PDB file of all heavy atoms in Angstrom:
ATOM      1  N   LEU A   1       0.829  -1.203   0.000  1.00  0.00           N
ATOM      2  CA  LEU A   1       0.000   0.000   0.000  1.00  0.00           C
ATOM      3  C   LEU A   1       0.865   1.255   0.000  1.00  0.00           C
ATOM      4  O   LEU A   1       0.536   2.247  -0.665  1.00  0.00           O
ATOM      5  CB  LEU A   1      -0.931  -0.008   1.218  1.00  0.00           C
ATOM      6  CG  LEU A   1      -2.022  -1.084   1.228  1.00  0.00           C
ATOM      7  CD1 LEU A   1      -2.793  -1.044   2.541  1.00  0.00           C
ATOM      8  CD2 LEU A   1      -2.977  -0.902   0.046  1.00  0.00           C
ATOM      9  N   ALA A   2       1.976   1.212   0.729  1.00  0.00           N
ATOM     10  CA  ALA A   2       2.878   2.368   0.758  1.00  0.00           C
ATOM     11  C   ALA A   2       3.483   2.627  -0.619  1.00  0.00           C
ATOM     12  O   ALA A   2       3.812   3.769  -0.957  1.00  0.00           O
ATOM     13  CB  ALA A   2       3.986   2.137   1.779  1.00  0.00           C
ATOM     14  N   ALA A   3       3.612   1.561  -1.423  1.00  0.00           N
ATOM     15  CA  ALA A   3       4.159   1.709  -2.776  1.00  0.00           C
ATOM     16  C   ALA A   3       3.126   2.232  -3.761  1.00  0.00           C
ATOM     17  O   ALA A   3       3.459   2.556  -4.907  1.00  0.00           O
ATOM     18  CB  ALA A   3       4.708   0.365  -3.258  1.00  0.00           C
ATOM     19  N   GLY A   4       1.857   2.287  -3.335  1.00  0.00           N
ATOM     20  CA  GLY A   4       0.818   2.873  -4.167  1.00  0.00           C
ATOM     21  C   GLY A   4       0.265   1.981  -5.259  1.00  0.00           C
ATOM     22  O   GLY A   4      -0.245   2.488  -6.268  1.00  0.00           O
ATOM     23  N   VAL A   5       0.342   0.657  -5.092  1.00  0.00           N
ATOM     24  CA  VAL A   5      -0.184  -0.242  -6.124  1.00  0.00           C
ATOM     25  C   VAL A   5      -1.710  -0.250  -6.100  1.00  0.00           C
ATOM     26  O   VAL A   5      -2.342   0.117  -5.111  1.00  0.00           O
ATOM     27  CB  VAL A   5       0.342  -1.682  -5.933  1.00  0.00           C
ATOM     28  CG1 VAL A   5       1.851  -1.708  -6.050  1.00  0.00           C
ATOM     29  CG2 VAL A   5      -0.116  -2.274  -4.616  1.00  0.00           C
ATOM     30  N   GLU A   6      -2.302  -0.700  -7.209  1.00  0.00           N
ATOM     31  CA  GLU A   6      -3.757  -0.768  -7.315  1.00  0.00           C
ATOM     32  C   GLU A   6      -4.323  -2.060  -6.730  1.00  0.00           C
ATOM     33  O   GLU A   6      -5.428  -2.075  -6.203  1.00  0.00           O
ATOM     34  CB  GLU A   6      -4.169  -0.670  -8.787  1.00  0.00           C
ATOM     35  CG  GLU A   6      -3.758   0.617  -9.477  1.00  0.00           C
ATOM     36  CD  GLU A   6      -3.990   0.528 -10.972  1.00  0.00           C
ATOM     37  OE1 GLU A   6      -5.124   0.817 -11.418  1.00  0.00           O
ATOM     38  OE2 GLU A   6      -3.042   0.158 -11.699  1.00  0.00           O
ATOM     39  N   TYR A   7      -3.563  -3.155  -6.869  1.00  0.00           N
ATOM     40  CA  TYR A   7      -4.043  -4.461  -6.418  1.00  0.00           C
ATOM     41  C   TYR A   7      -2.940  -5.184  -5.661  1.00  0.00           C
ATOM     42  O   TYR A   7      -1.746  -5.033  -5.977  1.00  0.00           O
ATOM     43  CB  TYR A   7      -4.483  -5.330  -7.605  1.00  0.00           C
ATOM     44  CG  TYR A   7      -5.678  -4.767  -8.340  1.00  0.00           C
ATOM     45  CD1 TYR A   7      -5.506  -3.935  -9.443  1.00  0.00           C
ATOM     46  CD2 TYR A   7      -6.974  -5.053  -7.928  1.00  0.00           C
ATOM     47  CE1 TYR A   7      -6.599  -3.395 -10.114  1.00  0.00           C
ATOM     48  CE2 TYR A   7      -8.064  -4.516  -8.584  1.00  0.00           C
ATOM     49  CZ  TYR A   7      -7.877  -3.689  -9.673  1.00  0.00           C
ATOM     50  OH  TYR A   7      -8.952  -3.159 -10.318  1.00  0.00           O
ATOM     51  N   VAL A   8      -3.351  -5.974  -4.668  1.00  0.00           N
ATOM     52  CA  VAL A   8      -2.407  -6.754  -3.867  1.00  0.00           C
ATOM     53  C   VAL A   8      -2.839  -8.212  -3.905  1.00  0.00           C
ATOM     54  O   VAL A   8      -3.974  -8.543  -3.569  1.00  0.00           O
ATOM     55  CB  VAL A   8      -2.358  -6.256  -2.406  1.00  0.00           C
ATOM     56  CG1 VAL A   8      -1.395  -7.123  -1.590  1.00  0.00           C
ATOM     57  CG2 VAL A   8      -1.944  -4.792  -2.351  1.00  0.00           C
ATOM     58  N   VAL A   9      -1.917  -9.072  -4.318  1.00  0.00           N
ATOM     59  CA  VAL A   9      -2.151 -10.511  -4.318  1.00  0.00           C
ATOM     60  C   VAL A   9      -1.443 -11.115  -3.120  1.00  0.00           C
ATOM     61  O   VAL A   9      -0.307 -10.747  -2.811  1.00  0.00           O
ATOM     62  CB  VAL A   9      -1.618 -11.165  -5.612  1.00  0.00           C
ATOM     63  CG1 VAL A   9      -1.713 -12.696  -5.529  1.00  0.00           C
ATOM     64  CG2 VAL A   9      -2.378 -10.652  -6.820  1.00  0.00           C
ATOM     65  N   GLN A  10      -2.100 -12.039  -2.437  1.00  0.00           N
ATOM     66  CA  GLN A  10      -1.449 -12.797  -1.378  1.00  0.00           C
ATOM     67  C   GLN A  10      -1.429 -14.260  -1.777  1.00  0.00           C
ATOM     68  O   GLN A  10      -2.405 -14.791  -2.296  1.00  0.00           O
ATOM     69  CB  GLN A  10      -2.175 -12.622  -0.038  1.00  0.00           C
ATOM     70  CG  GLN A  10      -3.643 -13.016  -0.047  1.00  0.00           C
ATOM     71  CD  GLN A  10      -4.254 -13.038   1.337  1.00  0.00           C
ATOM     72  OE1 GLN A  10      -4.908 -12.081   1.736  1.00  0.00           O
ATOM     73  NE2 GLN A  10      -4.063 -14.142   2.046  1.00  0.00           N
ATOM     74  N   MET A  11      -0.283 -14.903  -1.571  1.00  0.00           N
ATOM     75  CA  MET A  11      -0.168 -16.304  -1.935  1.00  0.00           C
ATOM     76  C   MET A  11       0.930 -16.974  -1.112  1.00  0.00           C
ATOM     77  O   MET A  11       1.797 -16.297  -0.544  1.00  0.00           O
ATOM     78  CB  MET A  11       0.117 -16.462  -3.431  1.00  0.00           C
ATOM     79  CG  MET A  11       1.460 -15.930  -3.870  1.00  0.00           C
ATOM     80  SD  MET A  11       1.694 -16.032  -5.688  1.00  0.00           S
ATOM     81  CE  MET A  11       1.527 -17.792  -5.964  1.00  0.00           C
ATOM     82  N   ASP A  12       0.873 -18.303  -1.048  1.00  0.00           N
ATOM     83  CA  ASP A  12       1.864 -19.071  -0.310  1.00  0.00           C
ATOM     84  C   ASP A  12       3.160 -19.172  -1.105  1.00  0.00           C
ATOM     85  O   ASP A  12       3.169 -19.091  -2.334  1.00  0.00           O
ATOM     86  CB  ASP A  12       1.346 -20.477  -0.012  1.00  0.00           C
ATOM     87  CG  ASP A  12       0.165 -20.475   0.953  1.00  0.00           C
ATOM     88  OD1 ASP A  12      -0.056 -19.437   1.614  1.00  0.00           O
ATOM     89  OD2 ASP A  12      -0.535 -21.506   1.045  1.00  0.00           O
ATOM     90  N   ALA A  13       4.245 -19.411  -0.383  1.00  0.00           N
ATOM     91  CA  ALA A  13       5.560 -19.524  -1.015  1.00  0.00           C
ATOM     92  C   ALA A  13       5.864 -20.940  -1.482  1.00  0.00           C
ATOM     93  O   ALA A  13       6.870 -21.157  -2.168  1.00  0.00           O
ATOM     94  CB  ALA A  13       6.646 -19.077  -0.032  1.00  0.00           C
ATOM     95  N   ASP A  14       5.029 -21.904  -1.125  1.00  0.00           N
ATOM     96  CA  ASP A  14       5.368 -23.311  -1.356  1.00  0.00           C
ATOM     97  C   ASP A  14       4.908 -23.847  -2.705  1.00  0.00           C
ATOM     98  O   ASP A  14       4.989 -25.047  -2.966  1.00  0.00           O
ATOM     99  CB  ASP A  14       4.797 -24.180  -0.240  1.00  0.00           C
ATOM    100  CG  ASP A  14       3.279 -24.090  -0.128  1.00  0.00           C
ATOM    101  OD1 ASP A  14       2.648 -23.488  -1.018  1.00  0.00           O
ATOM    102  OD2 ASP A  14       2.729 -24.620   0.857  1.00  0.00           O
ATOM    103  N   LEU A  15       4.383 -22.965  -3.574  1.00  0.00           N
ATOM    104  CA  LEU A  15       3.913 -23.327  -4.914  1.00  0.00           C
ATOM    105  C   LEU A  15       2.663 -24.191  -4.905  1.00  0.00           C
ATOM    106  O   LEU A  15       2.340 -24.828  -5.911  1.00  0.00           O
ATOM    107  CB  LEU A  15       5.029 -24.014  -5.719  1.00  0.00           C
ATOM    108  CG  LEU A  15       6.220 -23.104  -6.052  1.00  0.00           C
ATOM    109  CD1 LEU A  15       7.385 -23.905  -6.607  1.00  0.00           C
ATOM    110  CD2 LEU A  15       5.813 -22.027  -7.043  1.00  0.00           C
ATOM    111  N   SER A  16       1.951 -24.213  -3.784  1.00  0.00           N
ATOM    112  CA  SER A  16       0.633 -24.854  -3.780  1.00  0.00           C
ATOM    113  C   SER A  16      -0.355 -24.005  -4.574  1.00  0.00           C
ATOM    114  O   SER A  16      -1.324 -24.524  -5.129  1.00  0.00           O
ATOM    115  CB  SER A  16       0.132 -25.067  -2.352  1.00  0.00           C
ATOM    116  OG  SER A  16       0.114 -23.848  -1.630  1.00  0.00           O
ATOM    117  N   HIS A  17      -0.101 -22.706  -4.628  1.00  0.00           N
ATOM    118  CA  HIS A  17      -0.876 -21.795  -5.474  1.00  0.00           C
ATOM    119  C   HIS A  17      -0.116 -21.579  -6.776  1.00  0.00           C
ATOM    120  O   HIS A  17       1.084 -21.301  -6.755  1.00  0.00           O
ATOM    121  CB  HIS A  17      -1.084 -20.447  -4.779  1.00  0.00           C
ATOM    122  CG  HIS A  17      -1.804 -20.541  -3.480  1.00  0.00           C
ATOM    123  ND1 HIS A  17      -1.467 -19.779  -2.380  1.00  0.00           N
ATOM    124  CD2 HIS A  17      -2.848 -21.312  -3.092  1.00  0.00           C
ATOM    125  CE1 HIS A  17      -2.281 -20.078  -1.377  1.00  0.00           C
ATOM    126  NE2 HIS A  17      -3.110 -21.012  -1.786  1.00  0.00           N
ATOM    127  N   GLN A  18      -0.800 -21.710  -7.893  1.00  0.00           N
ATOM    128  CA  GLN A  18      -0.148 -21.591  -9.189  1.00  0.00           C
ATOM    129  C   GLN A  18      -0.063 -20.124  -9.619  1.00  0.00           C
ATOM    130  O   GLN A  18      -1.094 -19.470  -9.839  1.00  0.00           O
ATOM    131  CB  GLN A  18      -0.938 -22.391 -10.231  1.00  0.00           C
ATOM    132  CG  GLN A  18      -1.169 -23.850  -9.855  1.00  0.00           C
ATOM    133  CD  GLN A  18       0.120 -24.598  -9.599  1.00  0.00           C
ATOM    134  OE1 GLN A  18       0.940 -24.758 -10.491  1.00  0.00           O
ATOM    135  NE2 GLN A  18       0.322 -25.056  -8.367  1.00  0.00           N
ATOM    136  N   PRO A  19       1.146 -19.562  -9.742  1.00  0.00           N
ATOM    137  CA  PRO A  19       1.282 -18.144 -10.116  1.00  0.00           C
ATOM    138  C   PRO A  19       0.590 -17.785 -11.423  1.00  0.00           C
ATOM    139  O   PRO A  19       0.150 -16.646 -11.598  1.00  0.00           O
ATOM    140  CB  PRO A  19       2.804 -17.975 -10.232  1.00  0.00           C
ATOM    141  CG  PRO A  19       3.378 -19.031  -9.348  1.00  0.00           C
ATOM    142  CD  PRO A  19       2.451 -20.206  -9.490  1.00  0.00           C
ATOM    143  N   GLU A  20       0.471 -18.743 -12.336  1.00  0.00           N
ATOM    144  CA  GLU A  20      -0.134 -18.467 -13.634  1.00  0.00           C
ATOM    145  C   GLU A  20      -1.612 -18.102 -13.533  1.00  0.00           C
ATOM    146  O   GLU A  20      -2.213 -17.644 -14.512  1.00  0.00           O
ATOM    147  CB  GLU A  20       0.047 -19.679 -14.551  1.00  0.00           C
ATOM    148  CG  GLU A  20       1.477 -19.942 -14.968  1.00  0.00           C
ATOM    149  CD  GLU A  20       2.351 -20.529 -13.859  1.00  0.00           C
ATOM    150  OE1 GLU A  20       1.789 -21.105 -12.886  1.00  0.00           O
ATOM    151  OE2 GLU A  20       3.585 -20.417 -13.961  1.00  0.00           O
ATOM    152  N   THR A  21      -2.212 -18.294 -12.351  1.00  0.00           N
ATOM    153  CA  THR A  21      -3.608 -17.918 -12.139  1.00  0.00           C
ATOM    154  C   THR A  21      -3.756 -16.434 -11.792  1.00  0.00           C
ATOM    155  O   THR A  21      -4.856 -15.890 -11.843  1.00  0.00           O
ATOM    156  CB  THR A  21      -4.227 -18.779 -11.015  1.00  0.00           C
ATOM    157  OG1 THR A  21      -4.006 -20.159 -11.311  1.00  0.00           O
ATOM    158  CG2 THR A  21      -5.727 -18.556 -10.881  1.00  0.00           C
ATOM    159  N   ILE A  22      -2.667 -15.763 -11.470  1.00  0.00           N
ATOM    160  CA  ILE A  22      -2.742 -14.356 -11.054  1.00  0.00           C
ATOM    161  C   ILE A  22      -3.410 -13.473 -12.110  1.00  0.00           C
ATOM    162  O   ILE A  22      -4.268 -12.638 -11.769  1.00  0.00           O
ATOM    163  CB  ILE A  22      -1.344 -13.823 -10.675  1.00  0.00           C
ATOM    164  CG1 ILE A  22      -0.877 -14.485  -9.375  1.00  0.00           C
ATOM    165  CG2 ILE A  22      -1.352 -12.302 -10.523  1.00  0.00           C
ATOM    166  CD1 ILE A  22       0.549 -14.147  -8.965  1.00  0.00           C
ATOM    167  N   PRO A  23      -3.077 -13.599 -13.411  1.00  0.00           N
ATOM    168  CA  PRO A  23      -3.787 -12.774 -14.393  1.00  0.00           C
ATOM    169  C   PRO A  23      -5.295 -13.008 -14.389  1.00  0.00           C
ATOM    170  O   PRO A  23      -6.071 -12.079 -14.632  1.00  0.00           O
ATOM    171  CB  PRO A  23      -3.160 -13.210 -15.726  1.00  0.00           C
ATOM    172  CG  PRO A  23      -1.792 -13.680 -15.362  1.00  0.00           C
ATOM    173  CD  PRO A  23      -1.971 -14.359 -14.029  1.00  0.00           C
ATOM    174  N   GLU A  24      -5.727 -14.241 -14.100  1.00  0.00           N
ATOM    175  CA  GLU A  24      -7.161 -14.509 -14.051  1.00  0.00           C
ATOM    176  C   GLU A  24      -7.797 -13.844 -12.837  1.00  0.00           C
ATOM    177  O   GLU A  24      -8.927 -13.333 -12.914  1.00  0.00           O
ATOM    178  CB  GLU A  24      -7.421 -16.012 -14.029  1.00  0.00           C
ATOM    179  CG  GLU A  24      -8.889 -16.356 -14.200  1.00  0.00           C
ATOM    180  CD  GLU A  24      -9.123 -17.820 -14.516  1.00  0.00           C
ATOM    181  OE1 GLU A  24      -8.142 -18.565 -14.678  1.00  0.00           O
ATOM    182  OE2 GLU A  24     -10.302 -18.198 -14.612  1.00  0.00           O
ATOM    183  N   LEU A  25      -7.088 -13.833 -11.704  1.00  0.00           N
ATOM    184  CA  LEU A  25      -7.592 -13.107 -10.534  1.00  0.00           C
ATOM    185  C   LEU A  25      -7.762 -11.626 -10.865  1.00  0.00           C
ATOM    186  O   LEU A  25      -8.787 -11.013 -10.556  1.00  0.00           O
ATOM    187  CB  LEU A  25      -6.630 -13.269  -9.355  1.00  0.00           C
ATOM    188  CG  LEU A  25      -6.437 -14.663  -8.757  1.00  0.00           C
ATOM    189  CD1 LEU A  25      -5.319 -14.638  -7.719  1.00  0.00           C
ATOM    190  CD2 LEU A  25      -7.726 -15.165  -8.122  1.00  0.00           C
ATOM    191  N   LEU A  26      -6.747 -11.055 -11.506  1.00  0.00           N
ATOM    192  CA  LEU A  26      -6.794  -9.636 -11.856  1.00  0.00           C
ATOM    193  C   LEU A  26      -7.900  -9.353 -12.864  1.00  0.00           C
ATOM    194  O   LEU A  26      -8.682  -8.406 -12.699  1.00  0.00           O
ATOM    195  CB  LEU A  26      -5.441  -9.203 -12.431  1.00  0.00           C
ATOM    196  CG  LEU A  26      -5.357  -7.781 -12.972  1.00  0.00           C
ATOM    197  CD1 LEU A  26      -5.644  -6.758 -11.887  1.00  0.00           C
ATOM    198  CD2 LEU A  26      -3.993  -7.528 -13.611  1.00  0.00           C
ATOM    199  N   GLY A  27      -7.983 -10.165 -13.902  1.00  0.00           N
ATOM    200  CA  GLY A  27      -9.019  -9.959 -14.912  1.00  0.00           C
ATOM    201  C   GLY A  27     -10.414 -10.050 -14.337  1.00  0.00           C
ATOM    202  O   GLY A  27     -11.312  -9.294 -14.715  1.00  0.00           O
ATOM    203  N   THR A  28     -10.615 -10.986 -13.401  1.00  0.00           N
ATOM    204  CA  THR A  28     -11.922 -11.127 -12.761  1.00  0.00           C
ATOM    205  C   THR A  28     -12.260  -9.885 -11.943  1.00  0.00           C
ATOM    206  O   THR A  28     -13.395  -9.398 -11.969  1.00  0.00           O
ATOM    207  CB  THR A  28     -11.945 -12.372 -11.857  1.00  0.00           C
ATOM    208  OG1 THR A  28     -11.676 -13.530 -12.647  1.00  0.00           O
ATOM    209  CG2 THR A  28     -13.294 -12.527 -11.177  1.00  0.00           C
ATOM    210  N   ALA A  29     -11.278  -9.358 -11.224  1.00  0.00           N
ATOM    211  CA  ALA A  29     -11.512  -8.138 -10.438  1.00  0.00           C
ATOM    212  C   ALA A  29     -11.902  -6.977 -11.335  1.00  0.00           C
ATOM    213  O   ALA A  29     -12.830  -6.212 -11.037  1.00  0.00           O
ATOM    214  CB  ALA A  29     -10.262  -7.793  -9.626  1.00  0.00           C
ATOM    215  N   LEU A  30     -11.215  -6.831 -12.439  1.00  0.00           N
ATOM    216  CA  LEU A  30     -11.497  -5.730 -13.353  1.00  0.00           C
ATOM    217  C   LEU A  30     -12.827  -5.900 -14.069  1.00  0.00           C
ATOM    218  O   LEU A  30     -13.549  -4.935 -14.308  1.00  0.00           O
ATOM    219  CB  LEU A  30     -10.359  -5.610 -14.368  1.00  0.00           C
ATOM    220  CG  LEU A  30      -9.028  -5.117 -13.791  1.00  0.00           C
ATOM    221  CD1 LEU A  30      -7.887  -5.381 -14.757  1.00  0.00           C
ATOM    222  CD2 LEU A  30      -9.097  -3.641 -13.457  1.00  0.00           C
ATOM    223  N   ALA A  31     -13.169  -7.160 -14.391  1.00  0.00           N
ATOM    224  CA  ALA A  31     -14.412  -7.411 -15.121  1.00  0.00           C
ATOM    225  C   ALA A  31     -15.645  -7.298 -14.241  1.00  0.00           C
ATOM    226  O   ALA A  31     -16.733  -6.969 -14.725  1.00  0.00           O
ATOM    227  CB  ALA A  31     -14.359  -8.796 -15.766  1.00  0.00           C
ATOM    228  N   THR A  32     -15.502  -7.562 -12.951  1.00  0.00           N
ATOM    229  CA  THR A  32     -16.660  -7.595 -12.053  1.00  0.00           C
ATOM    230  C   THR A  32     -16.678  -6.461 -11.046  1.00  0.00           C
ATOM    231  O   THR A  32     -17.632  -6.336 -10.282  1.00  0.00           O
ATOM    232  CB  THR A  32     -16.681  -8.923 -11.276  1.00  0.00           C
ATOM    233  OG1 THR A  32     -15.522  -8.986 -10.418  1.00  0.00           O
ATOM    234  CG2 THR A  32     -16.685 -10.123 -12.208  1.00  0.00           C
ATOM    235  N   ASP A  33     -15.606  -5.652 -11.010  1.00  0.00           N
ATOM    236  CA  ASP A  33     -15.456  -4.592 -10.006  1.00  0.00           C
ATOM    237  C   ASP A  33     -15.464  -5.169  -8.596  1.00  0.00           C
ATOM    238  O   ASP A  33     -15.950  -4.546  -7.650  1.00  0.00           O
ATOM    239  CB  ASP A  33     -16.559  -3.537 -10.143  1.00  0.00           C
ATOM    240  CG  ASP A  33     -16.209  -2.250  -9.403  1.00  0.00           C
ATOM    241  OD1 ASP A  33     -15.014  -1.929  -9.314  1.00  0.00           O
ATOM    242  OD2 ASP A  33     -17.128  -1.582  -8.893  1.00  0.00           O
ATOM    243  N   ALA A  34     -14.920  -6.371  -8.456  1.00  0.00           N
ATOM    244  CA  ALA A  34     -14.833  -7.003  -7.137  1.00  0.00           C
ATOM    245  C   ALA A  34     -13.690  -6.381  -6.343  1.00  0.00           C
ATOM    246  O   ALA A  34     -12.632  -6.067  -6.887  1.00  0.00           O
ATOM    247  CB  ALA A  34     -14.601  -8.505  -7.279  1.00  0.00           C
ATOM    248  N   GLY A  35     -13.917  -6.216  -5.046  1.00  0.00           N
ATOM    249  CA  GLY A  35     -12.863  -5.725  -4.173  1.00  0.00           C
ATOM    250  C   GLY A  35     -11.983  -6.833  -3.659  1.00  0.00           C
ATOM    251  O   GLY A  35     -10.871  -6.595  -3.195  1.00  0.00           O
TER     252      GLY A  35
END
């Protein structure tokens, strides 16, 4: 937030979450105006 970004993603470091899904998270937020 101090860096002034528009969106913040939180994820685990152990690769249980697939980084390639991040664009889909972002696109969904932009398409639906989800917070």
